[in-house]
Structures are given as C-alpha cells and as structure tokens.
C-alpha cells in the first residue's frame, strides 16, 4: 500500500474510491503518568508520552490501511493525522486520507 500526503502519485492515473480513516485512543499507565508529571517540573522530553503517540499513530495508520484494502485500494493519497486530548494522559489520534485505485 502506497501512502502519500499529496493528492497525486507521479506517473499514475487515479480513480478515487473514497475517504478512509483509522483511529485509536491511547493512555499510559498511572505509574508512567506520575513520573511524566514530575518531568514537567524540570523540563525536557516526555519520552513515555512520545512513545504513546508514536504507537497511536502507527495503530491509526494500520486501521486506515485495512479499511482501504477492504475497498480494493492500491494507495491512499492526501494522508493526514490529527490528535486531541481526551482526558489527562490520554489522546485520540486519527489518520485519514483518500483511497485510490490505479487506472491501468
């Protein structure tokens, strides 16, 4: 599956199949949440939350690709990501784009 953040793929004619998306809500356990809150006092990267967001983006992308594959897509164009805090220590990540089939 080809994923691009442009609305075209060089050298390919595309037939648009429709919007596809994948999402997840992730949180860290209470122990990690407490240790990360102490980190905010001294500054620096919040590695546990960085890992959490990387995992969330990967899972959202996987779900988006699965939805596109179910439609028979060859690629997803105009891929975008969005995130929002659901509650303290938990975030939703959504990946979305347009599923396309190559015209032969």
PDB file of N, CA and C in Angstrom:
ATOM      1  N   UNK A   1       0.854  -1.177   0.000  1.00  0.00           N
ATOM      2  CA  UNK A   1       0.000   0.000   0.000  1.00  0.00           C
ATOM      3  C   UNK A   1       0.894   1.233   0.000  1.00  0.00           C
ATOM      4  N   UNK A   2       0.644   2.111  -0.946  1.00  0.00           N
ATOM      5  CA  UNK A   2       1.386   3.369  -1.034  1.00  0.00           C
ATOM      6  C   UNK A   2       0.623   4.434  -0.253  1.00  0.00           C
ATOM      7  N   UNK A   3       1.317   5.158   0.603  1.00  0.00           N
ATOM      8  CA  UNK A   3       0.728   6.257   1.361  1.00  0.00           C
ATOM      9  C   UNK A   3       1.490   7.531   1.022  1.00  0.00           C
ATOM     10  N   UNK A   4       0.773   8.572   0.600  1.00  0.00           N
ATOM     11  CA  UNK A   4       1.402   9.857   0.302  1.00  0.00           C
ATOM     12  C   UNK A   4       0.562  10.988   0.877  1.00  0.00           C
ATOM     13  N   UNK A   5       1.225  12.115   1.143  1.00  0.00           N
ATOM     14  CA  UNK A   5       0.479  13.257   1.665  1.00  0.00           C
ATOM     15  C   UNK A   5       0.172  14.284   0.572  1.00  0.00           C
ATOM     16  N   UNK A   6       0.344  13.880  -0.686  1.00  0.00           N
ATOM     17  CA  UNK A   6      -0.044  14.707  -1.820  1.00  0.00           C
ATOM     18  C   UNK A   6      -1.348  14.151  -2.395  1.00  0.00           C
ATOM     19  N   UNK A   7      -1.967  14.917  -3.296  1.00  0.00           N
ATOM     20  CA  UNK A   7      -3.226  14.435  -3.876  1.00  0.00           C
ATOM     21  C   UNK A   7      -3.005  13.724  -5.208  1.00  0.00           C
ATOM     22  N   UNK A   8      -1.754  13.343  -5.475  1.00  0.00           N
ATOM     23  CA  UNK A   8      -1.424  12.622  -6.702  1.00  0.00           C
ATOM     24  C   UNK A   8      -0.236  11.699  -6.438  1.00  0.00           C
ATOM     25  N   UNK A   9      -0.024  10.756  -7.349  1.00  0.00           N
ATOM     26  CA  UNK A   9       1.171   9.909  -7.347  1.00  0.00           C
ATOM     27  C   UNK A   9       1.755  10.030  -8.746  1.00  0.00           C
ATOM     28  N   UNK A  10       2.962  10.541  -8.829  1.00  0.00           N
ATOM     29  CA  UNK A  10       3.597  10.792 -10.116  1.00  0.00           C
ATOM     30  C   UNK A  10       3.557   9.552 -11.011  1.00  0.00           C
ATOM     31  N   UNK A  11       3.094   9.751 -12.240  1.00  0.00           N
ATOM     32  CA  UNK A  11       3.055   8.676 -13.218  1.00  0.00           C
ATOM     33  C   UNK A  11       1.857   7.755 -13.114  1.00  0.00           C
ATOM     34  N   UNK A  12       0.954   8.013 -12.186  1.00  0.00           N
ATOM     35  CA  UNK A  12      -0.219   7.151 -12.010  1.00  0.00           C
ATOM     36  C   UNK A  12      -1.500   7.942 -12.237  1.00  0.00           C
ATOM     37  N   UNK A  13      -2.431   7.324 -12.947  1.00  0.00           N
ATOM     38  CA  UNK A  13      -3.772   7.883 -13.056  1.00  0.00           C
ATOM     39  C   UNK A  13      -4.610   7.212 -11.980  1.00  0.00           C
ATOM     40  N   UNK A  14      -5.348   8.018 -11.232  1.00  0.00           N
ATOM     41  CA  UNK A  14      -6.038   7.509 -10.045  1.00  0.00           C
ATOM     42  C   UNK A  14      -7.545   7.567 -10.182  1.00  0.00           C
ATOM     43  N   UNK A  15      -8.200   6.537  -9.685  1.00  0.00           N
ATOM     44  CA  UNK A  15      -9.645   6.507  -9.548  1.00  0.00           C
ATOM     45  C   UNK A  15      -9.938   6.592  -8.054  1.00  0.00           C
ATOM     46  N   UNK A  16     -10.609   7.655  -7.638  1.00  0.00           N
ATOM     47  CA  UNK A  16     -10.894   7.869  -6.221  1.00  0.00           C
ATOM     48  C   UNK A  16     -11.973   6.909  -5.738  1.00  0.00           C
ATOM     49  N   UNK A  17     -11.694   6.219  -4.631  1.00  0.00           N
ATOM     50  CA  UNK A  17     -12.663   5.272  -4.069  1.00  0.00           C
ATOM     51  C   UNK A  17     -13.429   5.864  -2.897  1.00  0.00           C
ATOM     52  N   UNK A  18     -12.802   6.753  -2.151  1.00  0.00           N
ATOM     53  CA  UNK A  18     -13.487   7.379  -1.030  1.00  0.00           C
ATOM     54  C   UNK A  18     -12.596   7.590   0.179  1.00  0.00           C
ATOM     55  N   UNK A  19     -13.160   8.227   1.167  1.00  0.00           N
ATOM     56  CA  UNK A  19     -12.455   8.539   2.407  1.00  0.00           C
ATOM     57  C   UNK A  19     -12.217   7.271   3.216  1.00  0.00           C
ATOM     58  N   UNK A  20     -11.014   7.156   3.766  1.00  0.00           N
ATOM     59  CA  UNK A  20     -10.703   6.080   4.707  1.00  0.00           C
ATOM     60  C   UNK A  20     -10.099   6.704   5.947  1.00  0.00           C
ATOM     61  N   UNK A  21     -10.308   6.039   7.074  1.00  0.00           N
ATOM     62  CA  UNK A  21      -9.786   6.572   8.332  1.00  0.00           C
ATOM     63  C   UNK A  21      -9.481   5.440   9.294  1.00  0.00           C
ATOM     64  N   UNK A  22      -8.653   5.768  10.253  1.00  0.00           N
ATOM     65  CA  UNK A  22      -8.357   4.852  11.342  1.00  0.00           C
ATOM     66  C   UNK A  22      -8.107   5.690  12.572  1.00  0.00           C
ATOM     67  N   UNK A  23      -8.524   5.211  13.722  1.00  0.00           N
ATOM     68  CA  UNK A  23      -8.306   5.996  14.939  1.00  0.00           C
ATOM     69  C   UNK A  23      -8.064   5.088  16.128  1.00  0.00           C
ATOM     70  N   UNK A  24      -7.531   5.684  17.164  1.00  0.00           N
ATOM     71  CA  UNK A  24      -7.316   4.989  18.421  1.00  0.00           C
ATOM     72  C   UNK A  24      -7.245   6.022  19.537  1.00  0.00           C
ATOM     73  N   UNK A  25      -7.522   5.570  20.740  1.00  0.00           N
ATOM     74  CA  UNK A  25      -7.321   6.391  21.936  1.00  0.00           C
ATOM     75  C   UNK A  25      -6.347   5.633  22.810  1.00  0.00           C
ATOM     76  N   UNK A  26      -5.263   6.286  23.163  1.00  0.00           N
ATOM     77  CA  UNK A  26      -4.193   5.659  23.931  1.00  0.00           C
ATOM     78  C   UNK A  26      -3.986   6.401  25.250  1.00  0.00           C
ATOM     79  N   UNK A  27      -3.531   5.663  26.253  1.00  0.00           N
ATOM     80  CA  UNK A  27      -3.144   6.285  27.526  1.00  0.00           C
ATOM     81  C   UNK A  27      -1.970   5.510  28.097  1.00  0.00           C
ATOM     82  N   UNK A  28      -1.286   6.128  29.022  1.00  0.00           N
ATOM     83  CA  UNK A  28      -0.194   5.476  29.737  1.00  0.00           C
ATOM     84  C   UNK A  28      -0.716   5.037  31.102  1.00  0.00           C
ATOM     85  N   UNK A  29      -0.051   4.032  31.675  1.00  0.00           N
ATOM     86  CA  UNK A  29      -0.485   3.586  32.998  1.00  0.00           C
ATOM     87  C   UNK A  29      -0.193   4.652  34.044  1.00  0.00           C
ATOM     88  N   UNK A  30      -0.809   4.548  35.185  1.00  0.00           N
ATOM     89  CA  UNK A  30      -0.719   5.573  36.227  1.00  0.00           C
ATOM     90  C   UNK A  30       0.715   5.809  36.688  1.00  0.00           C
ATOM     91  N   UNK A  31       1.526   4.764  36.728  1.00  0.00           N
ATOM     92  CA  UNK A  31       2.928   4.925  37.132  1.00  0.00           C
ATOM     93  C   UNK A  31       3.690   5.814  36.171  1.00  0.00           C
ATOM     94  N   UNK A  32       3.523   5.557  34.872  1.00  0.00           N
ATOM     95  CA  UNK A  32       4.182   6.389  33.855  1.00  0.00           C
ATOM     96  C   UNK A  32       3.637   7.809  33.907  1.00  0.00           C
ATOM     97  N   UNK A  33       2.329   7.939  34.135  1.00  0.00           N
ATOM     98  CA  UNK A  33       1.715   9.258  34.181  1.00  0.00           C
ATOM     99  C   UNK A  33       2.305  10.090  35.314  1.00  0.00           C
ATOM    100  N   UNK A  34       2.502   9.472  36.464  1.00  0.00           N
ATOM    101  CA  UNK A  34       3.063  10.186  37.615  1.00  0.00           C
ATOM    102  C   UNK A  34       4.508  10.594  37.348  1.00  0.00           C
ATOM    103  N   UNK A  35       5.317   9.666  36.822  1.00  0.00           N
ATOM    104  CA  UNK A  35       6.718  10.008  36.561  1.00  0.00           C
ATOM    105  C   UNK A  35       6.833  11.100  35.504  1.00  0.00           C
ATOM    106  N   UNK A  36       5.946  11.096  34.516  1.00  0.00           N
ATOM    107  CA  UNK A  36       5.990  12.135  33.491  1.00  0.00           C
ATOM    108  C   UNK A  36       5.555  13.483  34.055  1.00  0.00           C
ATOM    109  N   UNK A  37       4.650  13.487  35.031  1.00  0.00           N
ATOM    110  CA  UNK A  37       4.237  14.755  35.630  1.00  0.00           C
ATOM    111  C   UNK A  37       5.393  15.392  36.399  1.00  0.00           C
ATOM    112  N   UNK A  38       6.250  14.574  37.015  1.00  0.00           N
ATOM    113  CA  UNK A  38       7.440  15.119  37.671  1.00  0.00           C
ATOM    114  C   UNK A  38       8.391  15.726  36.646  1.00  0.00           C
ATOM    115  N   UNK A  39       8.467  15.146  35.474  1.00  0.00           N
ATOM    116  CA  UNK A  39       9.353  15.636  34.422  1.00  0.00           C
ATOM    117  C   UNK A  39       8.958  17.045  34.000  1.00  0.00           C
ATOM    118  N   UNK A  40       7.676  17.377  34.090  1.00  0.00           N
ATOM    119  CA  UNK A  40       7.240  18.713  33.695  1.00  0.00           C
ATOM    120  C   UNK A  40       7.792  19.782  34.624  1.00  0.00           C
ATOM    121  N   UNK A  41       8.202  19.402  35.825  1.00  0.00           N
ATOM    122  CA  UNK A  41       8.774  20.370  36.762  1.00  0.00           C
ATOM    123  C   UNK A  41      10.164  20.829  36.333  1.00  0.00           C
ATOM    124  N   UNK A  42      10.932  19.934  35.715  1.00  0.00           N
ATOM    125  CA  UNK A  42      12.305  20.268  35.346  1.00  0.00           C
ATOM    126  C   UNK A  42      12.471  20.489  33.844  1.00  0.00           C
ATOM    127  N   UNK A  43      11.496  20.119  33.070  1.00  0.00           N
ATOM    128  CA  UNK A  43      11.560  20.303  31.620  1.00  0.00           C
ATOM    129  C   UNK A  43      12.202  19.122  30.917  1.00  0.00           C
ATOM    130  N   UNK A  44      12.107  19.125  29.611  1.00  0.00           N
ATOM    131  CA  UNK A  44      12.684  18.069  28.803  1.00  0.00           C
ATOM    132  C   UNK A  44      11.621  17.256  28.098  1.00  0.00           C
ATOM    133  N   UNK A  45      12.083  16.299  27.314  1.00  0.00           N
ATOM    134  CA  UNK A  45      11.182  15.455  26.536  1.00  0.00           C
ATOM    135  C   UNK A  45      10.441  14.478  27.431  1.00  0.00           C
ATOM    136  N   UNK A  46       9.155  14.327  27.181  1.00  0.00           N
ATOM    137  CA  UNK A  46       8.333  13.359  27.895  1.00  0.00           C
ATOM    138  C   UNK A  46       8.321  12.073  27.081  1.00  0.00           C
ATOM    139  N   UNK A  47       9.338  11.250  27.282  1.00  0.00           N
ATOM    140  CA  UNK A  47       9.560  10.083  26.431  1.00  0.00           C
ATOM    141  C   UNK A  47       8.405   9.088  26.465  1.00  0.00           C
ATOM    142  N   UNK A  48       7.799   8.879  27.609  1.00  0.00           N
ATOM    143  CA  UNK A  48       6.690   7.922  27.691  1.00  0.00           C
ATOM    144  C   UNK A  48       5.506   8.393  26.836  1.00  0.00           C
ATOM    145  N   UNK A  49       5.247   9.696  26.842  1.00  0.00           N
ATOM    146  CA  UNK A  49       4.153  10.220  26.021  1.00  0.00           C
ATOM    147  C   UNK A  49       4.530  10.223  24.548  1.00  0.00           C
ATOM    148  N   UNK A  50       5.801  10.460  24.255  1.00  0.00           N
ATOM    149  CA  UNK A  50       6.270  10.388  22.869  1.00  0.00           C
ATOM    150  C   UNK A  50       6.064   8.977  22.320  1.00  0.00           C
ATOM    151  N   UNK A  51       6.415   7.967  23.117  1.00  0.00           N
ATOM    152  CA  UNK A  51       6.195   6.573  22.722  1.00  0.00           C
ATOM    153  C   UNK A  51       4.710   6.288  22.534  1.00  0.00           C
ATOM    154  N   UNK A  52       3.907   6.793  23.448  1.00  0.00           N
ATOM    155  CA  UNK A  52       2.468   6.582  23.366  1.00  0.00           C
ATOM    156  C   UNK A  52       1.907   7.151  22.059  1.00  0.00           C
ATOM    157  N   UNK A  53       2.329   8.356  21.695  1.00  0.00           N
ATOM    158  CA  UNK A  53       1.821   8.978  20.475  1.00  0.00           C
ATOM    159  C   UNK A  53       2.335   8.262  19.225  1.00  0.00           C
ATOM    160  N   UNK A  54       3.577   7.794  19.247  1.00  0.00           N
ATOM    161  CA  UNK A  54       4.102   7.021  18.113  1.00  0.00           C
ATOM    162  C   UNK A  54       3.310   5.730  17.923  1.00  0.00           C
ATOM    163  N   UNK A  55       3.013   5.051  19.030  1.00  0.00           N
ATOM    164  CA  UNK A  55       2.206   3.822  18.964  1.00  0.00           C
ATOM    165  C   UNK A  55       0.806   4.122  18.444  1.00  0.00           C
ATOM    166  N   UNK A  56       0.233   5.214  18.898  1.00  0.00           N
ATOM    167  CA  UNK A  56      -1.113   5.589  18.477  1.00  0.00           C
ATOM    168  C   UNK A  56      -1.145   5.912  16.982  1.00  0.00           C
ATOM    169  N   UNK A  57      -0.157   6.657  16.481  1.00  0.00           N
ATOM    170  CA  UNK A  57      -0.113   6.967  15.051  1.00  0.00           C
ATOM    171  C   UNK A  57       0.039   5.694  14.218  1.00  0.00           C
ATOM    172  N   UNK A  58       0.884   4.785  14.676  1.00  0.00           N
ATOM    173  CA  UNK A  58       1.095   3.522  13.945  1.00  0.00           C
ATOM    174  C   UNK A  58      -0.198   2.703  13.897  1.00  0.00           C
ATOM    175  N   UNK A  59      -0.916   2.619  15.005  1.00  0.00           N
ATOM    176  CA  UNK A  59      -2.163   1.852  15.045  1.00  0.00           C
ATOM    177  C   UNK A  59      -3.243   2.516  14.194  1.00  0.00           C
ATOM    178  N   UNK A  60      -3.351   3.838  14.265  1.00  0.00           N
ATOM    179  CA  UNK A  60      -4.339   4.548  13.447  1.00  0.00           C
ATOM    180  C   UNK A  60      -4.042   4.356  11.962  1.00  0.00           C
ATOM    181  N   UNK A  61      -2.764   4.407  11.595  1.00  0.00           N
ATOM    182  CA  UNK A  61      -2.371   4.197  10.203  1.00  0.00           C
ATOM    183  C   UNK A  61      -2.724   2.785   9.753  1.00  0.00           C
ATOM    184  N   UNK A  62      -2.431   1.797  10.595  1.00  0.00           N
ATOM    185  CA  UNK A  62      -2.738   0.394  10.279  1.00  0.00           C
ATOM    186  C   UNK A  62      -4.235   0.217  10.028  1.00  0.00           C
ATOM    187  N   UNK A  63      -5.056   0.815  10.862  1.00  0.00           N
ATOM    188  CA  UNK A  63      -6.509   0.696  10.708  1.00  0.00           C
ATOM    189  C   UNK A  63      -6.993   1.388   9.441  1.00  0.00           C
ATOM    190  N   UNK A  64      -6.396   2.532   9.103  1.00  0.00           N
ATOM    191  CA  UNK A  64      -6.751   3.235   7.870  1.00  0.00           C
ATOM    192  C   UNK A  64      -6.399   2.376   6.657  1.00  0.00           C
ATOM    193  N   UNK A  65      -5.207   1.781   6.667  1.00  0.00           N
ATOM    194  CA  UNK A  65      -4.773   0.918   5.557  1.00  0.00           C
ATOM    195  C   UNK A  65      -5.703  -0.287   5.427  1.00  0.00           C
ATOM    196  N   UNK A  66      -6.090  -0.899   6.535  1.00  0.00           N
ATOM    197  CA  UNK A  66      -7.005  -2.041   6.492  1.00  0.00           C
ATOM    198  C   UNK A  66      -8.336  -1.662   5.850  1.00  0.00           C
ATOM    199  N   UNK A  67      -8.834  -0.471   6.172  1.00  0.00           N
ATOM    200  CA  UNK A  67     -10.093  -0.010   5.576  1.00  0.00           C
ATOM    201  C   UNK A  67      -9.926   0.191   4.071  1.00  0.00           C
ATOM    202  N   UNK A  68      -8.786   0.745   3.653  1.00  0.00           N
ATOM    203  CA  UNK A  68      -8.524   0.951   2.229  1.00  0.00           C
ATOM    204  C   UNK A  68      -8.383  -0.382   1.494  1.00  0.00           C
ATOM    205  N   UNK A  69      -7.682  -1.329   2.104  1.00  0.00           N
ATOM    206  CA  UNK A  69      -7.529  -2.654   1.483  1.00  0.00           C
ATOM    207  C   UNK A  69      -8.874  -3.338   1.297  1.00  0.00           C
ATOM    208  N   UNK A  70      -9.775  -3.157   2.259  1.00  0.00           N
ATOM    209  CA  UNK A  70     -11.109  -3.750   2.149  1.00  0.00           C
ATOM    210  C   UNK A  70     -11.897  -3.160   0.977  1.00  0.00           C
ATOM    211  N   UNK A  71     -11.547  -1.937   0.574  1.00  0.00           N
ATOM    212  CA  UNK A  71     -12.193  -1.292  -0.578  1.00  0.00           C
ATOM    213  C   UNK A  71     -11.509  -1.664  -1.894  1.00  0.00           C
ATOM    214  N   UNK A  72     -10.388  -2.388  -1.817  1.00  0.00           N
ATOM    215  CA  UNK A  72      -9.638  -2.751  -3.014  1.00  0.00           C
ATOM    216  C   UNK A  72      -8.682  -1.676  -3.483  1.00  0.00           C
ATOM    217  N   UNK A  73      -8.277  -0.785  -2.603  1.00  0.00           N
ATOM    218  CA  UNK A  73      -7.402   0.332  -2.965  1.00  0.00           C
ATOM    219  C   UNK A  73      -5.967  -0.123  -3.197  1.00  0.00           C
ATOM    220  N   UNK A  74      -5.281   0.619  -4.068  1.00  0.00           N
ATOM    221  CA  UNK A  74      -3.855   0.412  -4.310  1.00  0.00           C
ATOM    222  C   UNK A  74      -3.010   1.388  -3.498  1.00  0.00           C
ATOM    223  N   UNK A  75      -3.612   2.516  -3.109  1.00  0.00           N
ATOM    224  CA  UNK A  75      -2.870   3.557  -2.398  1.00  0.00           C
ATOM    225  C   UNK A  75      -3.838   4.445  -1.629  1.00  0.00           C
ATOM    226  N   UNK A  76      -3.264   5.266  -0.762  1.00  0.00           N
ATOM    227  CA  UNK A  76      -4.034   6.305  -0.064  1.00  0.00           C
ATOM    228  C   UNK A  76      -3.298   7.619  -0.300  1.00  0.00           C
ATOM    229  N   UNK A  77      -4.021   8.590  -0.844  1.00  0.00           N
ATOM    230  CA  UNK A  77      -3.434   9.903  -1.100  1.00  0.00           C
ATOM    231  C   UNK A  77      -3.967  10.914  -0.092  1.00  0.00           C
ATOM    232  N   UNK A  78      -3.250  12.027   0.008  1.00  0.00           N
ATOM    233  CA  UNK A  78      -3.643  13.129   0.889  1.00  0.00           C
ATOM    234  C   UNK A  78      -3.795  12.670   2.337  1.00  0.00           C
ATOM    235  N   UNK A  79      -2.849  11.851   2.798  1.00  0.00           N
ATOM    236  CA  UNK A  79      -2.890  11.322   4.168  1.00  0.00           C
ATOM    237  C   UNK A  79      -2.648  12.447   5.165  1.00  0.00           C
ATOM    238  N   UNK A  80      -3.465  12.482   6.191  1.00  0.00           N
ATOM    239  CA  UNK A  80      -3.362  13.492   7.250  1.00  0.00           C
ATOM    240  C   UNK A  80      -3.521  12.814   8.607  1.00  0.00           C
ATOM    241  N   UNK A  81      -2.978  13.458   9.634  1.00  0.00           N
ATOM    242  CA  UNK A  81      -3.113  12.993  11.014  1.00  0.00           C
ATOM    243  C   UNK A  81      -3.658  14.129  11.857  1.00  0.00           C
ATOM    244  N   UNK A  82      -4.444  13.755  12.851  1.00  0.00           N
ATOM    245  CA  UNK A  82      -4.957  14.729  13.807  1.00  0.00           C
ATOM    246  C   UNK A  82      -4.964  14.069  15.170  1.00  0.00           C
ATOM    247  N   UNK A  83      -4.758  14.864  16.202  1.00  0.00           N
ATOM    248  CA  UNK A  83      -4.815  14.313  17.556  1.00  0.00           C
ATOM    249  C   UNK A  83      -5.494  15.309  18.482  1.00  0.00           C
ATOM    250  N   UNK A  84      -6.032  14.779  19.550  1.00  0.00           N
ATOM    251  CA  UNK A  84      -6.654  15.621  20.562  1.00  0.00           C
ATOM    252  C   UNK A  84      -6.590  14.916  21.904  1.00  0.00           C
ATOM    253  N   UNK A  85      -6.533  15.707  22.949  1.00  0.00           N
ATOM    254  CA  UNK A  85      -6.549  15.155  24.299  1.00  0.00           C
ATOM    255  C   UNK A  85      -7.972  14.780  24.652  1.00  0.00           C
ATOM    256  N   UNK A  86      -8.151  13.560  25.115  1.00  0.00           N
ATOM    257  CA  UNK A  86      -9.476  13.095  25.518  1.00  0.00           C
ATOM    258  C   UNK A  86      -9.663  13.367  27.008  1.00  0.00           C
ATOM    259  N   UNK A  87      -8.592  13.119  27.752  1.00  0.00           N
ATOM    260  CA  UNK A  87      -8.527  13.410  29.176  1.00  0.00           C
ATOM    261  C   UNK A  87      -7.052  13.500  29.523  1.00  0.00           C
ATOM    262  N   UNK A  88      -6.715  13.893  30.725  1.00  0.00           N
ATOM    263  CA  UNK A  88      -5.304  13.998  31.086  1.00  0.00           C
ATOM    264  C   UNK A  88      -4.636  12.630  30.937  1.00  0.00           C
ATOM    265  N   UNK A  89      -3.561  12.587  30.155  1.00  0.00           N
ATOM    266  CA  UNK A  89      -2.822  11.344  29.966  1.00  0.00           C
ATOM    267  C   UNK A  89      -3.362  10.437  28.887  1.00  0.00           C
ATOM    268  N   UNK A  90      -4.426  10.868  28.178  1.00  0.00           N
ATOM    269  CA  UNK A  90      -4.996  10.051  27.096  1.00  0.00           C
ATOM    270  C   UNK A  90      -5.209  10.930  25.873  1.00  0.00           C
ATOM    271  N   UNK A  91      -4.907  10.369  24.709  1.00  0.00           N
ATOM    272  CA  UNK A  91      -5.047  11.131  23.474  1.00  0.00           C
ATOM    273  C   UNK A  91      -5.671  10.269  22.388  1.00  0.00           C
ATOM    274  N   UNK A  92      -6.477  10.916  21.555  1.00  0.00           N
ATOM    275  CA  UNK A  92      -7.024  10.263  20.372  1.00  0.00           C
ATOM    276  C   UNK A  92      -6.168  10.681  19.184  1.00  0.00           C
ATOM    277  N   UNK A  93      -5.860   9.726  18.332  1.00  0.00           N
ATOM    278  CA  UNK A  93      -5.166  10.002  17.077  1.00  0.00           C
ATOM    279  C   UNK A  93      -6.018   9.442  15.959  1.00  0.00           C
ATOM    280  N   UNK A  94      -6.209  10.238  14.917  1.00  0.00           N
ATOM    281  CA  UNK A  94      -6.931   9.778  13.735  1.00  0.00           C
ATOM    282  C   UNK A  94      -6.050  10.001  12.521  1.00  0.00           C
ATOM    283  N   UNK A  95      -6.012   8.998  11.662  1.00  0.00           N
ATOM    284  CA  UNK A  95      -5.327   9.085  10.364  1.00  0.00           C
ATOM    285  C   UNK A  95      -6.415   8.995   9.310  1.00  0.00           C
ATOM    286  N   UNK A  96      -6.343   9.837   8.283  1.00  0.00           N
ATOM    287  CA  UNK A  96      -7.358   9.793   7.243  1.00  0.00           C
ATOM    288  C   UNK A  96      -6.773  10.205   5.898  1.00  0.00           C
ATOM    289  N   UNK A  97      -7.417   9.780   4.852  1.00  0.00           N
ATOM    290  CA  UNK A  97      -6.983  10.104   3.502  1.00  0.00           C
ATOM    291  C   UNK A  97      -7.998   9.597   2.496  1.00  0.00           C
ATOM    292  N   UNK A  98      -7.612   9.637   1.227  1.00  0.00           N
ATOM    293  CA  UNK A  98      -8.490   9.186   0.152  1.00  0.00           C
ATOM    294  C   UNK A  98      -7.934   7.914  -0.452  1.00  0.00           C
ATOM    295  N   UNK A  99      -8.726   6.852  -0.412  1.00  0.00           N
ATOM    296  CA  UNK A  99      -8.332   5.578  -1.016  1.00  0.00           C
ATOM    297  C   UNK A  99      -8.474   5.712  -2.530  1.00  0.00           C
ATOM    298  N   UNK A 100      -7.470   5.197  -3.246  1.00  0.00           N
ATOM    299  CA  UNK A 100      -7.478   5.275  -4.706  1.00  0.00           C
ATOM    300  C   UNK A 100      -7.091   3.931  -5.307  1.00  0.00           C
ATOM    301  N   UNK A 101      -7.549   3.730  -6.536  1.00  0.00           N
ATOM    302  CA  UNK A 101      -7.192   2.543  -7.326  1.00  0.00           C
ATOM    303  C   UNK A 101      -6.486   3.066  -8.570  1.00  0.00           C
ATOM    304  N   UNK A 102      -5.421   2.386  -8.964  1.00  0.00           N
ATOM    305  CA  UNK A 102      -4.691   2.787 -10.178  1.00  0.00           C
ATOM    306  C   UNK A 102      -5.510   2.415 -11.398  1.00  0.00           C
ATOM    307  N   UNK A 103      -5.551   3.343 -12.368  1.00  0.00           N
ATOM    308  CA  UNK A 103      -6.217   3.091 -13.643  1.00  0.00           C
ATOM    309  C   UNK A 103      -5.159   2.501 -14.576  1.00  0.00           C
ATOM    310  N   UNK A 104      -5.418   1.324 -15.119  1.00  0.00           N
ATOM    311  CA  UNK A 104      -4.428   0.665 -15.987  1.00  0.00           C
ATOM    312  C   UNK A 104      -4.506   1.121 -17.407  1.00  0.00           C
TER     313      UNK A 104
END
